[in-house]
Protein backbone atom coordinates (compact mmCIF):
# COMPACT_ATOMS: atom_id res chain seq x y z
CA MET A 1 0.00 0.00 0.00
CA LYS A 2 1.41 3.38 -0.97
CA PRO A 3 1.82 6.01 1.77
CA LEU A 4 -0.66 8.29 -0.03
CA HIS A 5 -3.39 5.69 0.40
CA LEU A 6 -2.84 5.72 4.17
CA LEU A 7 -3.53 9.44 4.48
CA PRO A 8 -7.37 9.19 4.59
CA ILE A 9 -7.18 6.35 7.11
CA ILE A 10 -4.85 8.35 9.35
CA ALA A 11 -7.09 11.41 9.05
CA LEU A 12 -10.19 9.40 10.05
CA PHE A 13 -8.37 7.87 13.01
CA ALA A 14 -7.19 11.30 14.19
CA ALA A 15 -10.71 12.71 13.91
CA TYR A 16 -12.16 9.75 15.81
CA THR A 17 -9.68 10.02 18.68
CA THR A 18 -10.21 13.77 18.93
CA PHE A 19 -13.98 13.42 19.30
CA ALA A 20 -13.71 10.36 21.54
CA GLN A 21 -11.83 12.21 24.29
CA THR A 22 -13.67 12.45 27.56
CA SER A 23 -13.94 15.57 29.67
CA PRO A 24 -11.68 16.08 32.70
CA CYS A 25 -14.76 15.62 34.92
CA ASP A 26 -15.61 12.27 33.32
CA GLN A 27 -11.96 11.20 33.60
CA LEU A 28 -11.94 12.00 37.32
CA ILE A 29 -15.21 10.14 37.92
CA LYS A 30 -13.92 7.11 36.04
CA LYS A 31 -10.63 7.21 37.97
CA TYR A 32 -12.24 7.09 41.43
CA ALA A 33 -15.67 5.51 40.85
CA ASP A 34 -14.76 1.98 41.92
CA GLN A 35 -12.70 2.88 44.97
CA GLU A 36 -13.74 2.25 48.54
CA GLY A 37 -14.93 5.41 50.34
CA VAL A 38 -16.12 7.13 47.16
CA THR A 39 -19.69 8.05 46.23
CA VAL A 40 -20.75 8.60 42.63
CA VAL A 41 -24.23 9.78 41.68
CA ASN A 42 -25.42 10.07 38.06
CA LEU A 43 -28.84 11.59 37.43
CA SER A 44 -30.14 11.26 33.87
CA GLY A 45 -31.80 14.01 31.90
CA ASN A 46 -35.04 12.05 31.54
CA PHE A 47 -35.35 11.78 35.31
CA LEU A 48 -34.41 15.41 35.95
CA ASN A 49 -36.68 16.84 33.26
CA SER A 50 -39.67 14.97 34.65
CA PHE A 51 -39.62 17.49 37.52
CA ILE A 52 -39.72 20.50 35.17
CA ASP A 53 -43.41 20.97 34.50
CA ASP A 54 -43.58 24.75 34.37
CA GLU A 55 -44.80 26.39 31.15
CA ASP A 56 -42.43 29.31 31.78
CA ASN A 57 -39.44 26.94 31.64
CA GLN A 58 -40.14 25.25 28.32
CA ASN A 59 -36.57 25.77 27.12
CA THR A 60 -35.02 24.36 30.27
CA LYS A 61 -33.47 20.99 29.65
CA LEU A 62 -31.10 19.20 31.98
CA THR A 63 -29.00 16.51 30.35
CA SER A 64 -27.29 15.18 33.47
CA ILE A 65 -26.03 15.83 36.95
CA LYS A 66 -22.91 13.95 38.02
CA ILE A 67 -21.60 14.02 41.56
CA LEU A 68 -18.32 12.58 42.83
CA SER A 69 -17.60 12.79 46.54
CA ILE A 70 -14.92 11.31 48.78
CA ASP A 71 -16.33 9.94 52.03
CA ASP A 72 -13.16 8.36 53.41
CA GLU A 73 -11.17 10.79 55.59
CA ALA A 74 -7.79 9.17 54.88
CA LEU A 75 -8.42 9.18 51.13
CA ASN A 76 -9.53 12.83 51.28
CA LYS A 77 -6.15 13.80 52.73
CA LYS A 78 -4.33 12.22 49.77
CA LEU A 79 -6.40 13.87 47.03
CA ASN A 80 -7.13 17.29 45.61
CA PHE A 81 -9.86 17.33 42.95
CA PHE A 82 -9.22 21.01 42.31
CA GLU A 83 -5.65 20.28 41.25
CA GLU A 84 -6.73 17.27 39.18
CA VAL A 85 -9.57 18.91 37.22
CA ILE A 86 -8.98 22.66 36.84
CA PRO A 87 -5.63 22.52 34.98
CA LYS A 88 -7.15 20.12 32.42
CA LEU A 89 -10.11 22.38 31.56
CA ASN A 90 -9.92 24.73 28.60
CA LYS A 91 -10.16 28.00 30.54
CA GLU A 92 -11.32 29.90 27.45
CA ASP A 93 -14.52 27.83 27.44
CA TYR A 94 -15.53 28.64 31.04
CA LYS A 95 -16.55 31.68 33.03
CA LYS A 96 -15.94 31.83 36.75
CA ALA A 97 -18.98 32.40 38.93
CA MET A 98 -17.25 32.01 42.27
CA ASP A 99 -13.80 31.23 43.65
CA VAL A 100 -12.91 30.61 47.31
CA LYS A 101 -9.53 29.79 48.83
CA SER A 102 -9.35 29.28 52.58
CA ASP A 103 -7.22 27.24 54.96
CA GLY A 104 -6.00 24.70 52.39
CA GLU A 105 -9.37 24.43 50.66
CA GLU A 106 -10.07 25.53 47.10
CA PHE A 107 -13.58 25.86 45.72
CA VAL A 108 -14.70 27.10 42.32
CA ILE A 109 -17.90 27.32 40.29
CA LEU A 110 -17.38 27.52 36.53
CA PHE A 111 -19.90 27.58 33.73
CA LYS A 112 -20.09 27.44 29.95
CA GLU A 113 -22.48 29.77 28.22
CA LYS A 114 -23.90 29.62 24.70
CA LYS A 115 -26.50 32.06 23.39
CA ASN A 116 -27.27 33.38 26.91
CA ARG A 117 -27.89 29.86 28.20
CA ILE A 118 -25.75 27.91 30.61
CA THR A 119 -24.82 24.62 28.96
CA GLU A 120 -22.52 23.29 31.68
CA ALA A 121 -21.73 24.14 35.28
CA ILE A 122 -18.87 22.61 37.25
CA ILE A 123 -18.44 22.87 40.99
CA VAL A 124 -15.10 21.61 42.30
CA SER A 125 -13.72 21.59 45.81
CA GLY A 126 -10.31 20.27 46.67
CA GLY A 127 -8.16 20.04 49.75
CA LYS A 128 -9.56 18.71 53.01
CA GLU A 129 -12.82 17.71 51.33
CA ASN A 130 -13.05 16.72 47.68
CA THR A 131 -16.24 17.02 45.68
CA LEU A 132 -17.07 17.39 42.00
CA ILE A 133 -20.49 18.31 40.65
CA GLN A 134 -21.10 18.62 36.92
CA LEU A 135 -24.41 19.83 35.55
CA THR A 136 -25.09 19.75 31.80
CA GLY A 137 -28.09 20.98 29.87
CA SER A 138 -29.60 24.32 28.98
CA LEU A 139 -30.61 26.86 31.63
CA SER A 140 -31.13 30.60 31.45
CA MET A 141 -29.42 32.86 33.96
CA ASP A 142 -32.86 33.77 35.37
CA GLU A 143 -33.63 30.09 35.98
CA VAL A 144 -30.34 29.67 37.81
CA LYS A 145 -31.14 32.72 39.98
CA ILE A 146 -34.61 31.34 40.79
CA ALA A 147 -33.19 27.92 41.64
CA SER A 148 -30.43 29.33 43.82
CA SER A 149 -32.84 31.63 45.69
CA SER A 150 -35.19 28.71 46.39
CA PHE A 151 -32.24 26.72 47.80
CA SER A 152 -31.22 29.59 50.07
CA LYS A 153 -34.79 29.91 51.44
CA SER A 154 -35.03 26.24 52.42
């Protein structure tokens, strides 16, 4: 086979591996999911959207909520989700909603926005306690404000 004939095959393979890459959040979940002292929660979009019955929120669609939390105190001391996830994210894709650094703890809320809709939100804490929450879907900023105010009232 001549080298020129291999070019399309190489191009297809490169395209496939580029699109097949998983997000840093998914990589972290996969890395720790089967370990003792770790809790992983995956909520599907079908389940989540069954709770959205409001005519005013017709465009709201949640695709998934993924939560990774370390329950084991000894394991928590060895890990730092913040340091594992944040450097791997493409910072140009995300806006920072909140950032806290205190006494060895780091906490950040990042989100992706497309056409005035939040398509992904990531909450990462690292240090003494390690937690990752990833929300994907389509929410308006107003819907996020309403949801956050209802959480603060309860």
